[in-house]
């Protein structure tokens, strides 16, 4: 599968061998063609979480990008109106900046497939009213 979107949780689970979702993340990522599509907000969240696990954790996150596991193809400055609209629309959830950027990337890439553990993606819609498909919910 190409152009799959990447959220924070599975990225961290892949890197942390003691994470309860580590094995699941490995299985799913083995079936996805790199690079996965993500945004700086996701990478920032992953670096923050990885710093709590290990001092070199953030460098591990960046290293995956250097190796081509993910690519950042989003410029917040170009999409501020869309992001603001999404954050307002989903204010009762509330939606994070990273989630809003991923919804916008889904619109850009016309891509419903996302590697996420976040149940909010069952609520979010892209492309007017299209549902996301969490690859982590699919059988391996």
Protein backbone atom coordinates (compact mmCIF):
# COMPACT_ATOMS: atom_id res chain seq x y z
CA UNK A 1 0.00 0.00 0.00
CA UNK A 2 1.34 3.43 -0.96
CA UNK A 3 0.79 6.89 0.52
CA UNK A 4 -0.44 5.54 3.83
CA UNK A 5 -0.73 8.21 6.51
CA UNK A 6 1.26 7.90 9.73
CA UNK A 7 0.08 8.98 13.19
CA UNK A 8 2.11 9.25 16.38
CA UNK A 9 1.08 6.14 18.31
CA UNK A 10 2.16 3.47 15.83
CA UNK A 11 5.45 5.27 15.20
CA UNK A 12 6.25 5.22 18.91
CA UNK A 13 5.03 1.62 19.25
CA UNK A 14 7.36 0.56 16.47
CA UNK A 15 10.37 2.05 18.26
CA UNK A 16 9.53 0.96 21.81
CA UNK A 17 9.92 -2.81 22.13
CA UNK A 18 8.06 -2.82 25.46
CA UNK A 19 5.04 -1.01 24.03
CA UNK A 20 1.95 -3.23 24.12
CA UNK A 21 1.35 -2.50 20.42
CA UNK A 22 4.95 -3.02 19.29
CA UNK A 23 4.38 -6.38 17.58
CA UNK A 24 1.20 -5.20 15.88
CA UNK A 25 2.96 -2.10 14.58
CA UNK A 26 5.82 -4.23 13.20
CA UNK A 27 3.36 -6.54 11.41
CA UNK A 28 1.40 -3.69 9.85
CA UNK A 29 4.43 -1.65 8.79
CA UNK A 30 5.93 -4.73 7.13
CA UNK A 31 3.03 -4.62 4.65
CA UNK A 32 3.19 -0.90 3.83
CA UNK A 33 5.35 0.62 1.14
CA UNK A 34 7.57 3.37 2.55
CA UNK A 35 7.60 6.24 2.81
CA UNK A 36 4.53 6.84 4.94
CA UNK A 37 3.07 10.33 4.77
CA UNK A 38 3.04 12.46 7.89
CA UNK A 39 3.52 15.97 9.23
CA UNK A 40 5.84 17.80 11.58
CA UNK A 41 3.21 17.85 14.32
CA UNK A 42 3.20 14.03 14.39
CA UNK A 43 7.00 13.92 14.46
CA UNK A 44 7.03 16.50 17.27
CA UNK A 45 4.59 14.43 19.33
CA UNK A 46 6.61 11.26 18.70
CA UNK A 47 9.85 12.98 19.71
CA UNK A 48 8.23 14.26 22.90
CA UNK A 49 6.96 10.79 23.82
CA UNK A 50 10.22 9.08 22.89
CA UNK A 51 12.21 11.49 25.08
CA UNK A 52 10.32 10.05 28.05
CA UNK A 53 11.45 6.54 27.10
CA UNK A 54 15.11 7.16 26.29
CA UNK A 55 17.40 10.21 25.95
CA UNK A 56 18.13 9.24 22.35
CA UNK A 57 14.48 8.52 21.59
CA UNK A 58 13.87 11.69 19.56
CA UNK A 59 16.94 10.94 17.44
CA UNK A 60 15.47 7.49 16.69
CA UNK A 61 12.30 9.15 15.38
CA UNK A 62 14.29 11.49 13.14
CA UNK A 63 16.51 8.61 12.01
CA UNK A 64 13.48 6.74 10.64
CA UNK A 65 12.74 9.74 8.43
CA UNK A 66 16.35 9.88 7.29
CA UNK A 67 16.09 6.21 6.31
CA UNK A 68 12.97 6.91 4.24
CA UNK A 69 10.38 5.29 6.54
CA UNK A 70 8.28 8.47 6.48
CA UNK A 71 8.22 11.74 4.63
CA UNK A 72 6.87 15.06 5.77
CA UNK A 73 4.74 16.54 3.04
CA UNK A 74 2.80 19.27 4.77
CA UNK A 75 3.25 23.01 5.23
CA UNK A 76 1.04 24.42 7.96
CA UNK A 77 1.48 27.94 6.65
CA UNK A 78 -0.15 26.97 3.33
CA UNK A 79 -3.09 25.23 5.01
CA UNK A 80 -3.91 27.44 8.00
CA UNK A 81 -7.47 28.13 6.86
CA UNK A 82 -8.23 24.41 6.41
CA UNK A 83 -6.59 23.51 9.72
CA UNK A 84 -8.48 26.23 11.57
CA UNK A 85 -11.73 24.99 10.03
CA UNK A 86 -11.01 21.39 11.14
CA UNK A 87 -10.02 22.44 14.66
CA UNK A 88 -13.27 24.39 14.93
CA UNK A 89 -15.41 21.62 13.43
CA UNK A 90 -14.05 19.02 15.87
CA UNK A 91 -13.63 21.28 18.90
CA UNK A 92 -15.80 19.03 21.08
CA UNK A 93 -13.50 16.00 20.63
CA UNK A 94 -11.04 18.05 20.79
CA UNK A 95 -8.86 17.59 17.72
CA UNK A 96 -5.10 17.94 18.04
CA UNK A 97 -3.01 19.87 15.55
CA UNK A 98 -1.40 16.60 14.42
CA UNK A 99 -4.81 15.04 13.77
CA UNK A 100 -5.96 18.09 11.81
CA UNK A 101 -2.83 17.97 9.68
CA UNK A 102 -3.39 14.26 8.96
CA UNK A 103 -6.99 14.91 7.91
CA UNK A 104 -5.70 17.62 5.57
CA UNK A 105 -3.08 15.22 4.19
CA UNK A 106 -5.86 12.69 3.53
CA UNK A 107 -7.59 15.36 1.44
CA UNK A 108 -4.38 16.15 -0.41
CA UNK A 109 -3.45 12.54 -1.16
CA UNK A 110 -7.03 11.22 -1.48
CA UNK A 111 -5.94 8.59 1.03
CA UNK A 112 -8.19 6.95 3.62
CA UNK A 113 -5.60 4.50 4.96
CA UNK A 114 -3.91 5.60 8.17
CA UNK A 115 -1.66 3.90 10.68
CA UNK A 116 -3.23 5.05 13.94
CA UNK A 117 -4.42 3.82 17.32
CA UNK A 118 -6.49 6.98 17.75
CA UNK A 119 -10.21 6.15 17.86
CA UNK A 120 -11.02 9.76 16.92
CA UNK A 121 -10.20 8.87 13.32
CA UNK A 122 -13.43 6.86 13.33
CA UNK A 123 -15.17 10.23 13.84
CA UNK A 124 -13.07 12.47 11.60
CA UNK A 125 -13.97 12.75 7.93
CA UNK A 126 -11.87 13.76 4.96
CA UNK A 127 -12.89 14.71 1.43
CA UNK A 128 -16.26 16.07 2.59
CA UNK A 129 -17.56 12.90 4.27
CA UNK A 130 -15.17 9.99 3.69
CA UNK A 131 -14.18 7.65 6.50
CA UNK A 132 -10.65 6.72 7.49
CA UNK A 133 -9.49 3.10 7.45
CA UNK A 134 -7.13 2.33 10.30
CA UNK A 135 -4.58 -0.19 9.11
CA UNK A 136 -4.08 -1.30 12.69
CA UNK A 137 -7.71 -2.47 12.82
CA UNK A 138 -7.36 -4.65 9.74
CA UNK A 139 -6.42 -8.32 10.13
CA UNK A 140 -2.78 -9.10 9.50
